[in-house]
Amino acid sequence: MGEAKRKTYAAAFKAKVGLEAIRGVKTVNEIGQGHGVHPVQVGQWKKEILEQASTLFETKRGRKPVDDRSAPERRYSEIGRLKLELNWLKKKSGVSL
């Protein structure tokens, strides 16, 4: 006997089914039957959407704060790039210091 494979659903599908359950036009059983999903799964997706709804609007607009740990790395890479450009320009122009 082979093992039964679990079905995996796309996030968009889960959201569609969960939102349909939130609307409440149909029962969870009807929604599950219509989409070929167990009603318990429909309820779990509905619950997950409701729990995570508040986090959708937590982020603020505008520039994101700069990560202090990545700033030195960016500066060092910029310094290295500028040194390479300077050496190349010196070589091409024939100027030696």
C-alpha atoms as a PDB file:
ATOM      1  CA  MET A   1       0.000   0.000   0.000  1.00  0.00           C
ATOM      2  CA  GLY A   2       1.217   3.461  -0.836  1.00  0.00           C
ATOM      3  CA  GLU A   3       1.133   6.316   1.594  1.00  0.00           C
ATOM      4  CA  ALA A   4      -1.548   8.926   1.090  1.00  0.00           C
ATOM      5  CA  LYS A   5      -0.070  12.222  -0.015  1.00  0.00           C
ATOM      6  CA  ARG A   6      -1.216  15.381   1.672  1.00  0.00           C
ATOM      7  CA  LYS A   7      -2.747  18.026  -0.496  1.00  0.00           C
ATOM      8  CA  THR A   8      -1.076  21.386  -0.483  1.00  0.00           C
ATOM      9  CA  TYR A   9      -3.027  24.492  -1.307  1.00  0.00           C
ATOM     10  CA  ALA A  10      -1.811  27.821  -2.610  1.00  0.00           C
ATOM     11  CA  ALA A  11      -2.029  30.817  -0.320  1.00  0.00           C
ATOM     12  CA  ALA A  12      -4.444  32.543  -2.697  1.00  0.00           C
ATOM     13  CA  PHE A  13      -6.786  29.549  -2.565  1.00  0.00           C
ATOM     14  CA  LYS A  14      -6.657  29.460   1.234  1.00  0.00           C
ATOM     15  CA  ALA A  15      -7.414  33.169   1.397  1.00  0.00           C
ATOM     16  CA  LYS A  16     -10.315  32.824  -1.031  1.00  0.00           C
ATOM     17  CA  VAL A  17     -11.906  29.959   0.921  1.00  0.00           C
ATOM     18  CA  GLY A  18     -11.214  31.613   4.296  1.00  0.00           C
ATOM     19  CA  LEU A  19     -12.738  34.913   3.219  1.00  0.00           C
ATOM     20  CA  GLU A  20     -15.766  33.100   1.880  1.00  0.00           C
ATOM     21  CA  ALA A  21     -16.188  31.512   5.311  1.00  0.00           C
ATOM     22  CA  ILE A  22     -15.819  34.907   7.003  1.00  0.00           C
ATOM     23  CA  ARG A  23     -18.569  36.397   4.824  1.00  0.00           C
ATOM     24  CA  GLY A  24     -20.945  33.794   6.211  1.00  0.00           C
ATOM     25  CA  VAL A  25     -23.152  33.514   3.124  1.00  0.00           C
ATOM     26  CA  LYS A  26     -22.719  29.730   3.091  1.00  0.00           C
ATOM     27  CA  THR A  27     -22.054  27.311   5.914  1.00  0.00           C
ATOM     28  CA  VAL A  28     -18.566  25.939   6.450  1.00  0.00           C
ATOM     29  CA  ASN A  29     -19.797  22.537   5.267  1.00  0.00           C
ATOM     30  CA  GLU A  30     -21.148  24.005   2.012  1.00  0.00           C
ATOM     31  CA  ILE A  31     -17.929  25.888   1.381  1.00  0.00           C
ATOM     32  CA  GLY A  32     -15.841  22.797   2.063  1.00  0.00           C
ATOM     33  CA  GLN A  33     -17.957  20.681  -0.272  1.00  0.00           C
ATOM     34  CA  GLY A  34     -17.844  23.303  -2.989  1.00  0.00           C
ATOM     35  CA  HIS A  35     -14.060  23.548  -2.923  1.00  0.00           C
ATOM     36  CA  GLY A  36     -13.235  19.949  -2.074  1.00  0.00           C
ATOM     37  CA  VAL A  37     -11.764  20.822   1.324  1.00  0.00           C
ATOM     38  CA  HIS A  38     -12.654  19.366   4.709  1.00  0.00           C
ATOM     39  CA  PRO A  39     -14.857  21.735   6.756  1.00  0.00           C
ATOM     40  CA  VAL A  40     -12.381  21.661   9.657  1.00  0.00           C
ATOM     41  CA  GLN A  41      -9.688  22.964   7.307  1.00  0.00           C
ATOM     42  CA  VAL A  42     -11.998  25.759   6.156  1.00  0.00           C
ATOM     43  CA  GLY A  43     -12.530  26.726   9.800  1.00  0.00           C
ATOM     44  CA  GLN A  44      -8.782  26.745  10.453  1.00  0.00           C
ATOM     45  CA  TRP A  45      -8.128  29.030   7.484  1.00  0.00           C
ATOM     46  CA  LYS A  46     -10.924  31.350   8.612  1.00  0.00           C
ATOM     47  CA  LYS A  47      -9.481  31.473  12.127  1.00  0.00           C
ATOM     48  CA  GLU A  48      -5.968  32.156  10.815  1.00  0.00           C
ATOM     49  CA  ILE A  49      -7.179  35.047   8.660  1.00  0.00           C
ATOM     50  CA  LEU A  50      -9.043  36.594  11.581  1.00  0.00           C
ATOM     51  CA  GLU A  51      -6.029  36.238  13.905  1.00  0.00           C
ATOM     52  CA  GLN A  52      -3.603  37.791  11.427  1.00  0.00           C
ATOM     53  CA  ALA A  53      -5.886  40.563  10.178  1.00  0.00           C
ATOM     54  CA  SER A  54      -4.574  43.053  12.746  1.00  0.00           C
ATOM     55  CA  THR A  55      -0.981  42.631  11.548  1.00  0.00           C
ATOM     56  CA  LEU A  56      -1.836  43.774   8.032  1.00  0.00           C
ATOM     57  CA  PHE A  57      -1.843  47.419   9.045  1.00  0.00           C
ATOM     58  CA  GLU A  58       0.990  47.438  11.570  1.00  0.00           C
ATOM     59  CA  THR A  59       3.670  48.595   9.149  1.00  0.00           C
ATOM     60  CA  LYS A  60       4.011  52.300   8.605  1.00  0.00           C
ATOM     61  CA  ARG A  61       4.485  53.949   5.273  1.00  0.00           C
ATOM     62  CA  GLY A  62       7.631  55.734   4.305  1.00  0.00           C
ATOM     63  CA  ARG A  63      11.269  54.798   4.505  1.00  0.00           C
ATOM     64  CA  LYS A  64      12.137  51.809   6.556  1.00  0.00           C
ATOM     65  CA  PRO A  65      14.709  52.279   9.315  1.00  0.00           C
ATOM     66  CA  VAL A  66      18.265  51.511   8.314  1.00  0.00           C
ATOM     67  CA  ASP A  67      19.694  48.400   9.882  1.00  0.00           C
ATOM     68  CA  ASP A  68      22.742  49.520  11.882  1.00  0.00           C
ATOM     69  CA  ARG A  69      24.498  46.193  11.368  1.00  0.00           C
ATOM     70  CA  SER A  70      24.405  46.403   7.569  1.00  0.00           C
ATOM     71  CA  ALA A  71      25.579  50.032   7.395  1.00  0.00           C
ATOM     72  CA  PRO A  72      29.323  49.295   7.970  1.00  0.00           C
ATOM     73  CA  GLU A  73      29.227  46.477   5.428  1.00  0.00           C
ATOM     74  CA  ARG A  74      27.720  48.810   2.846  1.00  0.00           C
ATOM     75  CA  ARG A  75      30.292  51.490   3.602  1.00  0.00           C
ATOM     76  CA  TYR A  76      33.208  49.077   3.258  1.00  0.00           C
ATOM     77  CA  SER A  77      31.880  47.742  -0.027  1.00  0.00           C
ATOM     78  CA  GLU A  78      31.439  51.308  -1.285  1.00  0.00           C
ATOM     79  CA  ILE A  79      35.022  52.162  -0.264  1.00  0.00           C
ATOM     80  CA  GLY A  80      36.317  49.099  -2.082  1.00  0.00           C
ATOM     81  CA  ARG A  81      34.359  49.953  -5.224  1.00  0.00           C
ATOM     82  CA  LEU A  82      35.622  53.556  -5.165  1.00  0.00           C
ATOM     83  CA  LYS A  83      39.243  52.413  -4.715  1.00  0.00           C
ATOM     84  CA  LEU A  84      38.932  50.143  -7.727  1.00  0.00           C
ATOM     85  CA  GLU A  85      37.481  52.975  -9.813  1.00  0.00           C
ATOM     86  CA  LEU A  86      40.240  55.341  -8.686  1.00  0.00           C
ATOM     87  CA  ASN A  87      42.980  52.840  -9.562  1.00  0.00           C
ATOM     88  CA  TRP A  88      41.409  52.215 -12.957  1.00  0.00           C
ATOM     89  CA  LEU A  89      41.165  55.950 -13.671  1.00  0.00           C
ATOM     90  CA  LYS A  90      44.787  56.473 -12.600  1.00  0.00           C
ATOM     91  CA  LYS A  91      45.949  53.690 -14.888  1.00  0.00           C
ATOM     92  CA  LYS A  92      43.946  54.963 -17.870  1.00  0.00           C
ATOM     93  CA  SER A  93      45.012  58.603 -17.444  1.00  0.00           C
ATOM     94  CA  GLY A  94      48.673  57.818 -16.849  1.00  0.00           C
ATOM     95  CA  VAL A  95      48.791  59.791 -13.588  1.00  0.00           C
ATOM     96  CA  SER A  96      50.888  58.304 -10.825  1.00  0.00           C
ATOM     97  CA  LEU A  97      50.901  59.597  -7.281  1.00  0.00           C
END
